[in-house]
Amino acid sequence: MKDFRGPDGTAWRVSVRSPGSTNAMVLFRHPEASSSRRDRYAWYVQSTENRNVTSRLVPDDVLAALSDGDLARLFRRGA
């Protein structure tokens, strides 16, 4: 997991779930653990083309590759 500070100062925990061959879901966990209603997610797309569709992205590698700017962009797009 990785830490991300939102625009309002909230400290979110970030993890990567559901890796595919070219994309993965980036999950922003709200610090209030009593409810998952406030959690957010966005899809990270590594590339639009992959020759081996049976391969999967490694969640730890995706998380390590995400910069603070990438996380901010995904957070703004997140639902």
N, C-alpha and C. Protein backbone atom coordinates (compact mmCIF):
# COMPACT_ATOMS: atom_id res chain seq x y z
N MET A 1 0.84 -1.18 0.00
CA MET A 1 0.00 0.00 0.00
C MET A 1 0.88 1.25 0.00
N LYS A 2 0.31 2.30 -0.52
CA LYS A 2 1.00 3.58 -0.64
C LYS A 2 0.10 4.66 -0.05
N ASP A 3 0.69 5.72 0.45
CA ASP A 3 -0.07 6.83 1.01
C ASP A 3 -0.26 7.92 -0.04
N PHE A 4 -1.43 8.58 0.02
CA PHE A 4 -1.72 9.70 -0.86
C PHE A 4 -2.51 10.72 -0.07
N ARG A 5 -2.10 11.98 -0.13
CA ARG A 5 -2.83 13.06 0.54
C ARG A 5 -3.70 13.77 -0.48
N GLY A 6 -5.01 13.74 -0.22
CA GLY A 6 -5.98 14.35 -1.12
C GLY A 6 -5.95 15.86 -1.05
N PRO A 7 -6.67 16.51 -1.95
CA PRO A 7 -6.70 17.98 -2.00
C PRO A 7 -7.21 18.61 -0.70
N ASP A 8 -8.07 17.91 0.03
CA ASP A 8 -8.60 18.45 1.27
C ASP A 8 -7.76 18.07 2.49
N GLY A 9 -6.63 17.38 2.27
CA GLY A 9 -5.73 17.00 3.35
C GLY A 9 -5.97 15.61 3.92
N THR A 10 -6.96 14.90 3.41
CA THR A 10 -7.24 13.54 3.88
C THR A 10 -6.14 12.60 3.42
N ALA A 11 -5.67 11.75 4.35
CA ALA A 11 -4.62 10.78 4.03
C ALA A 11 -5.27 9.47 3.58
N TRP A 12 -5.18 9.17 2.31
CA TRP A 12 -5.76 7.97 1.72
C TRP A 12 -4.70 6.88 1.64
N ARG A 13 -5.11 5.62 1.71
CA ARG A 13 -4.24 4.47 1.47
C ARG A 13 -4.58 3.96 0.07
N VAL A 14 -3.55 3.71 -0.73
CA VAL A 14 -3.74 3.33 -2.13
C VAL A 14 -3.27 1.89 -2.33
N SER A 15 -4.08 1.11 -3.02
CA SER A 15 -3.70 -0.24 -3.40
C SER A 15 -4.14 -0.50 -4.82
N VAL A 16 -3.63 -1.57 -5.40
CA VAL A 16 -3.97 -1.94 -6.78
C VAL A 16 -4.68 -3.28 -6.75
N ARG A 17 -5.81 -3.35 -7.42
CA ARG A 17 -6.63 -4.56 -7.47
C ARG A 17 -6.98 -4.90 -8.91
N SER A 18 -7.47 -6.08 -9.11
CA SER A 18 -8.00 -6.55 -10.40
C SER A 18 -7.09 -6.28 -11.59
N PRO A 19 -5.84 -6.74 -11.53
CA PRO A 19 -4.96 -6.49 -12.67
C PRO A 19 -5.38 -7.28 -13.90
N GLY A 20 -5.29 -6.62 -15.03
CA GLY A 20 -5.55 -7.26 -16.31
C GLY A 20 -4.27 -7.26 -17.12
N SER A 21 -4.38 -7.49 -18.40
CA SER A 21 -3.19 -7.51 -19.24
C SER A 21 -2.68 -6.10 -19.53
N THR A 22 -3.56 -5.10 -19.52
CA THR A 22 -3.13 -3.73 -19.80
C THR A 22 -3.64 -2.71 -18.79
N ASN A 23 -4.47 -3.13 -17.84
CA ASN A 23 -5.02 -2.16 -16.89
C ASN A 23 -5.17 -2.78 -15.50
N ALA A 24 -5.42 -1.91 -14.52
CA ALA A 24 -5.64 -2.36 -13.15
C ALA A 24 -6.47 -1.30 -12.43
N MET A 25 -7.22 -1.72 -11.42
CA MET A 25 -8.01 -0.80 -10.64
C MET A 25 -7.15 -0.25 -9.49
N VAL A 26 -7.11 1.07 -9.37
CA VAL A 26 -6.39 1.71 -8.28
C VAL A 26 -7.45 2.11 -7.26
N LEU A 27 -7.31 1.59 -6.05
CA LEU A 27 -8.30 1.79 -5.00
C LEU A 27 -7.75 2.77 -3.96
N PHE A 28 -8.52 3.83 -3.69
CA PHE A 28 -8.18 4.81 -2.67
C PHE A 28 -9.05 4.52 -1.46
N ARG A 29 -8.43 4.05 -0.37
CA ARG A 29 -9.16 3.68 0.85
C ARG A 29 -9.22 4.87 1.79
N HIS A 30 -10.42 5.25 2.18
CA HIS A 30 -10.62 6.36 3.12
C HIS A 30 -10.12 5.94 4.50
N PRO A 31 -9.54 6.87 5.26
CA PRO A 31 -8.99 6.50 6.58
C PRO A 31 -10.05 6.07 7.59
N GLU A 32 -11.29 6.46 7.39
CA GLU A 32 -12.35 6.03 8.29
C GLU A 32 -12.74 4.60 7.91
N ALA A 33 -12.25 3.65 8.64
CA ALA A 33 -12.39 2.24 8.27
C ALA A 33 -13.78 1.67 8.56
N SER A 34 -14.65 2.42 9.22
CA SER A 34 -15.95 1.87 9.58
C SER A 34 -16.88 1.69 8.38
N SER A 35 -16.57 2.35 7.26
CA SER A 35 -17.43 2.24 6.09
C SER A 35 -16.60 2.34 4.82
N SER A 36 -16.95 1.56 3.83
CA SER A 36 -16.24 1.63 2.55
C SER A 36 -16.96 2.58 1.59
N ARG A 37 -18.01 3.26 2.05
CA ARG A 37 -18.76 4.19 1.18
C ARG A 37 -17.89 5.30 0.64
N ARG A 38 -16.90 5.72 1.40
CA ARG A 38 -16.08 6.85 0.99
C ARG A 38 -14.87 6.44 0.15
N ASP A 39 -14.65 5.15 -0.03
CA ASP A 39 -13.54 4.70 -0.87
C ASP A 39 -13.79 5.13 -2.31
N ARG A 40 -12.69 5.34 -3.03
CA ARG A 40 -12.76 5.74 -4.43
C ARG A 40 -11.91 4.79 -5.25
N TYR A 41 -12.19 4.71 -6.53
CA TYR A 41 -11.36 3.90 -7.42
C TYR A 41 -11.29 4.54 -8.79
N ALA A 42 -10.24 4.19 -9.51
CA ALA A 42 -10.05 4.64 -10.89
C ALA A 42 -9.27 3.56 -11.62
N TRP A 43 -9.41 3.51 -12.91
CA TRP A 43 -8.71 2.52 -13.72
C TRP A 43 -7.42 3.09 -14.26
N TYR A 44 -6.33 2.39 -14.01
CA TYR A 44 -5.02 2.73 -14.55
C TYR A 44 -4.84 1.91 -15.82
N VAL A 45 -4.53 2.57 -16.93
CA VAL A 45 -4.32 1.88 -18.21
C VAL A 45 -2.86 2.06 -18.58
N GLN A 46 -2.13 0.93 -18.63
CA GLN A 46 -0.70 0.98 -18.93
C GLN A 46 -0.46 1.23 -20.41
N SER A 47 -1.17 0.53 -21.23
CA SER A 47 -1.04 0.71 -22.68
C SER A 47 -2.33 0.24 -23.33
N THR A 48 -2.48 0.59 -24.56
CA THR A 48 -3.69 0.18 -25.27
C THR A 48 -3.49 -1.11 -26.05
N GLU A 49 -2.25 -1.60 -26.10
CA GLU A 49 -1.98 -2.81 -26.86
C GLU A 49 -1.07 -3.73 -26.07
N ASN A 50 -1.44 -4.99 -26.02
CA ASN A 50 -0.61 -6.00 -25.39
C ASN A 50 -0.70 -7.25 -26.25
N ARG A 51 0.43 -7.75 -26.64
CA ARG A 51 0.44 -8.92 -27.53
C ARG A 51 0.09 -10.23 -26.81
N ASN A 52 0.28 -10.28 -25.51
CA ASN A 52 -0.03 -11.48 -24.74
C ASN A 52 -1.19 -11.18 -23.81
N VAL A 53 -2.39 -11.52 -24.22
CA VAL A 53 -3.57 -11.20 -23.43
C VAL A 53 -3.75 -12.11 -22.22
N THR A 54 -2.96 -13.16 -22.11
CA THR A 54 -3.05 -14.03 -20.94
C THR A 54 -2.15 -13.56 -19.81
N SER A 55 -1.29 -12.59 -20.06
CA SER A 55 -0.42 -12.07 -19.00
C SER A 55 -1.21 -11.11 -18.12
N ARG A 56 -0.73 -10.88 -16.93
CA ARG A 56 -1.36 -9.97 -15.98
C ARG A 56 -0.33 -9.00 -15.43
N LEU A 57 -0.74 -7.75 -15.21
CA LEU A 57 0.13 -6.78 -14.55
C LEU A 57 0.34 -7.22 -13.11
N VAL A 58 1.49 -6.90 -12.56
CA VAL A 58 1.80 -7.21 -11.15
C VAL A 58 1.39 -5.99 -10.32
N PRO A 59 0.45 -6.16 -9.36
CA PRO A 59 -0.04 -5.01 -8.60
C PRO A 59 1.07 -4.19 -7.92
N ASP A 60 2.06 -4.84 -7.34
CA ASP A 60 3.15 -4.11 -6.68
C ASP A 60 3.96 -3.28 -7.67
N ASP A 61 4.14 -3.80 -8.88
CA ASP A 61 4.87 -3.05 -9.91
C ASP A 61 4.08 -1.84 -10.37
N VAL A 62 2.77 -1.99 -10.51
CA VAL A 62 1.92 -0.87 -10.91
C VAL A 62 1.97 0.21 -9.84
N LEU A 63 1.85 -0.19 -8.58
CA LEU A 63 1.87 0.77 -7.48
C LEU A 63 3.20 1.51 -7.41
N ALA A 64 4.29 0.79 -7.62
CA ALA A 64 5.62 1.42 -7.59
C ALA A 64 5.80 2.39 -8.76
N ALA A 65 5.15 2.13 -9.88
CA ALA A 65 5.30 2.97 -11.07
C ALA A 65 4.48 4.25 -11.00
N LEU A 66 3.50 4.31 -10.10
CA LEU A 66 2.63 5.48 -10.03
C LEU A 66 3.31 6.60 -9.24
N SER A 67 3.47 7.75 -9.89
CA SER A 67 4.05 8.92 -9.22
C SER A 67 2.94 9.66 -8.46
N ASP A 68 3.32 10.66 -7.69
CA ASP A 68 2.33 11.47 -6.99
C ASP A 68 1.40 12.17 -7.98
N GLY A 69 1.94 12.62 -9.10
CA GLY A 69 1.11 13.25 -10.13
C GLY A 69 0.11 12.28 -10.73
N ASP A 70 0.56 11.05 -10.97
CA ASP A 70 -0.34 10.01 -11.49
C ASP A 70 -1.47 9.74 -10.51
N LEU A 71 -1.12 9.63 -9.23
CA LEU A 71 -2.14 9.37 -8.21
C LEU A 71 -3.13 10.52 -8.12
N ALA A 72 -2.64 11.75 -8.20
CA ALA A 72 -3.54 12.91 -8.15
C ALA A 72 -4.50 12.90 -9.34
N ARG A 73 -4.00 12.56 -10.51
CA ARG A 73 -4.85 12.50 -11.71
C ARG A 73 -5.90 11.39 -11.57
N LEU A 74 -5.48 10.23 -11.11
CA LEU A 74 -6.42 9.12 -10.92
C LEU A 74 -7.45 9.46 -9.84
N PHE A 75 -7.02 10.14 -8.78
CA PHE A 75 -7.94 10.52 -7.70
C PHE A 75 -9.02 11.47 -8.22
N ARG A 76 -8.63 12.43 -9.05
CA ARG A 76 -9.60 13.38 -9.61
C ARG A 76 -10.60 12.67 -10.51
N ARG A 77 -10.15 11.66 -11.25
CA ARG A 77 -11.04 10.92 -12.15
C ARG A 77 -11.88 9.88 -11.41
N GLY A 78 -11.47 9.52 -10.21
CA GLY A 78 -12.08 8.41 -9.48
C GLY A 78 -13.53 8.65 -9.09
N ALA A 79 -14.20 7.54 -8.89
CA ALA A 79 -15.62 7.59 -8.50
C ALA A 79 -15.76 7.20 -7.04
